[in-house]
N, C-alpha and C. Protein backbone atom coordinates (compact mmCIF):
# COMPACT_ATOMS: atom_id res chain seq x y z
N MET A 1 -3.76 -18.67 3.00
CA MET A 1 -3.07 -17.41 2.83
C MET A 1 -3.90 -16.53 1.91
N LYS A 2 -4.02 -15.27 2.27
CA LYS A 2 -4.71 -14.28 1.44
C LYS A 2 -3.77 -13.11 1.23
N VAL A 3 -4.09 -12.26 0.27
CA VAL A 3 -3.31 -11.05 0.02
C VAL A 3 -4.24 -9.86 -0.12
N LYS A 4 -3.71 -8.70 0.22
CA LYS A 4 -4.41 -7.42 0.05
C LYS A 4 -3.41 -6.47 -0.59
N VAL A 5 -3.78 -5.86 -1.71
CA VAL A 5 -2.94 -4.88 -2.38
C VAL A 5 -3.55 -3.51 -2.15
N ILE A 6 -2.72 -2.58 -1.71
CA ILE A 6 -3.16 -1.20 -1.49
C ILE A 6 -2.23 -0.30 -2.29
N ASP A 7 -2.81 0.64 -3.02
CA ASP A 7 -2.06 1.52 -3.92
C ASP A 7 -2.54 2.95 -3.72
N GLU A 8 -1.61 3.85 -3.44
CA GLU A 8 -1.95 5.26 -3.22
C GLU A 8 -0.92 6.16 -3.89
N SER A 9 -1.28 7.42 -4.10
CA SER A 9 -0.36 8.36 -4.73
C SER A 9 0.45 9.18 -3.72
N HIS A 10 0.19 8.99 -2.44
CA HIS A 10 0.94 9.68 -1.39
C HIS A 10 1.23 8.71 -0.26
N GLU A 11 2.43 8.76 0.29
CA GLU A 11 2.82 7.79 1.33
C GLU A 11 1.95 7.87 2.59
N LYS A 12 1.47 9.03 2.94
CA LYS A 12 0.60 9.18 4.11
C LYS A 12 -0.75 8.48 3.88
N ASP A 13 -1.26 8.59 2.66
CA ASP A 13 -2.51 7.89 2.32
C ASP A 13 -2.33 6.38 2.40
N LEU A 14 -1.16 5.89 1.98
CA LEU A 14 -0.88 4.46 2.07
C LEU A 14 -0.84 4.02 3.53
N GLU A 15 -0.18 4.78 4.37
CA GLU A 15 -0.15 4.49 5.81
C GLU A 15 -1.57 4.41 6.38
N ASP A 16 -2.37 5.39 6.04
CA ASP A 16 -3.75 5.43 6.55
C ASP A 16 -4.55 4.20 6.11
N GLU A 17 -4.41 3.82 4.85
CA GLU A 17 -5.15 2.66 4.33
C GLU A 17 -4.66 1.35 4.95
N ILE A 18 -3.36 1.22 5.17
CA ILE A 18 -2.84 0.01 5.83
C ILE A 18 -3.36 -0.05 7.26
N ASN A 19 -3.30 1.05 7.97
CA ASN A 19 -3.79 1.07 9.35
C ASN A 19 -5.29 0.80 9.42
N LYS A 20 -6.05 1.32 8.47
CA LYS A 20 -7.49 1.06 8.41
C LYS A 20 -7.76 -0.42 8.18
N PHE A 21 -7.03 -1.03 7.26
CA PHE A 21 -7.18 -2.46 6.98
C PHE A 21 -6.87 -3.29 8.23
N ILE A 22 -5.79 -2.96 8.91
CA ILE A 22 -5.41 -3.70 10.12
C ILE A 22 -6.46 -3.54 11.21
N THR A 23 -6.96 -2.34 11.39
CA THR A 23 -7.96 -2.07 12.43
C THR A 23 -9.27 -2.78 12.15
N GLU A 24 -9.73 -2.72 10.90
CA GLU A 24 -11.02 -3.30 10.55
C GLU A 24 -11.00 -4.83 10.46
N LYS A 25 -9.93 -5.41 9.91
CA LYS A 25 -9.89 -6.85 9.66
C LYS A 25 -9.16 -7.64 10.75
N ASN A 26 -8.26 -6.97 11.51
CA ASN A 26 -7.45 -7.63 12.52
C ASN A 26 -6.82 -8.92 11.97
N PRO A 27 -6.10 -8.82 10.84
CA PRO A 27 -5.56 -10.02 10.19
C PRO A 27 -4.32 -10.55 10.89
N ASP A 28 -4.04 -11.82 10.67
CA ASP A 28 -2.80 -12.45 11.13
C ASP A 28 -1.77 -12.21 10.03
N ILE A 29 -1.08 -11.07 10.08
CA ILE A 29 -0.16 -10.65 9.02
C ILE A 29 1.10 -11.50 9.03
N GLN A 30 1.41 -12.04 7.86
CA GLN A 30 2.61 -12.85 7.69
C GLN A 30 3.77 -12.01 7.14
N ASP A 31 3.46 -11.07 6.25
CA ASP A 31 4.50 -10.26 5.63
C ASP A 31 3.85 -9.05 4.94
N ILE A 32 4.63 -7.99 4.79
CA ILE A 32 4.21 -6.82 4.02
C ILE A 32 5.35 -6.45 3.09
N LYS A 33 5.04 -6.32 1.81
CA LYS A 33 6.00 -5.87 0.80
C LYS A 33 5.62 -4.45 0.40
N PHE A 34 6.63 -3.58 0.27
CA PHE A 34 6.41 -2.17 -0.02
C PHE A 34 7.13 -1.81 -1.31
N SER A 35 6.51 -0.97 -2.12
CA SER A 35 7.12 -0.56 -3.38
C SER A 35 6.77 0.90 -3.68
N VAL A 36 7.73 1.59 -4.31
CA VAL A 36 7.50 2.95 -4.78
C VAL A 36 7.94 3.02 -6.23
N SER A 37 7.09 3.61 -7.06
CA SER A 37 7.48 3.83 -8.45
C SER A 37 7.13 5.26 -8.84
N THR A 38 7.82 5.75 -9.84
CA THR A 38 7.57 7.11 -10.33
C THR A 38 7.47 7.08 -11.85
N SER A 39 6.75 8.05 -12.36
CA SER A 39 6.69 8.26 -13.81
C SER A 39 6.57 9.76 -14.05
N VAL A 40 6.80 10.14 -15.28
CA VAL A 40 6.74 11.55 -15.64
C VAL A 40 5.69 11.72 -16.74
N SER A 41 4.80 12.68 -16.53
CA SER A 41 3.79 13.02 -17.51
C SER A 41 3.91 14.51 -17.78
N GLY A 42 4.48 14.84 -18.91
CA GLY A 42 4.77 16.26 -19.19
C GLY A 42 5.84 16.73 -18.23
N GLU A 43 5.53 17.74 -17.44
CA GLU A 43 6.47 18.23 -16.44
C GLU A 43 6.09 17.77 -15.03
N GLU A 44 5.07 16.91 -14.94
CA GLU A 44 4.60 16.43 -13.65
C GLU A 44 5.20 15.06 -13.33
N GLN A 45 5.72 14.92 -12.11
CA GLN A 45 6.24 13.64 -11.65
C GLN A 45 5.14 12.95 -10.83
N ILE A 46 4.82 11.71 -11.17
CA ILE A 46 3.74 10.98 -10.53
C ILE A 46 4.33 9.85 -9.69
N TYR A 47 3.89 9.75 -8.44
CA TYR A 47 4.36 8.70 -7.54
C TYR A 47 3.28 7.66 -7.33
N CYS A 48 3.71 6.43 -7.12
CA CYS A 48 2.80 5.34 -6.80
C CYS A 48 3.41 4.57 -5.62
N PHE A 49 2.75 4.63 -4.48
CA PHE A 49 3.18 3.93 -3.28
C PHE A 49 2.25 2.72 -3.11
N SER A 50 2.82 1.53 -3.00
CA SER A 50 1.97 0.36 -2.89
C SER A 50 2.49 -0.62 -1.85
N ALA A 51 1.56 -1.41 -1.32
CA ALA A 51 1.91 -2.43 -0.34
C ALA A 51 1.13 -3.70 -0.66
N LEU A 52 1.81 -4.83 -0.51
CA LEU A 52 1.19 -6.14 -0.64
C LEU A 52 1.22 -6.74 0.77
N ILE A 53 0.05 -6.97 1.32
CA ILE A 53 -0.05 -7.52 2.67
C ILE A 53 -0.45 -9.00 2.54
N MET A 54 0.38 -9.89 3.07
CA MET A 54 0.07 -11.31 3.09
C MET A 54 -0.40 -11.68 4.50
N TYR A 55 -1.58 -12.30 4.57
CA TYR A 55 -2.17 -12.59 5.88
C TYR A 55 -2.97 -13.88 5.85
N LYS A 56 -3.26 -14.38 7.04
CA LYS A 56 -4.10 -15.58 7.15
C LYS A 56 -5.47 -15.19 7.64
C-alpha cells in the first residue's frame, strides 16, 4: 500500500492534480480521503483543499 497527499488552495486545482496523478500513474486506487480547512489571516480567508489517495 502506498499513499499520495495532494494539497491545493482551490478545489479546481485539487481536481486537476488528482486527475493528473491518475492519468500518469494509473494506480490501483483503494480509497480517497478528502478534507477542507480554512483559516483567517487579517481580513483574508484562506482555504486548503487536500486529498489522501491510498493505492497499490
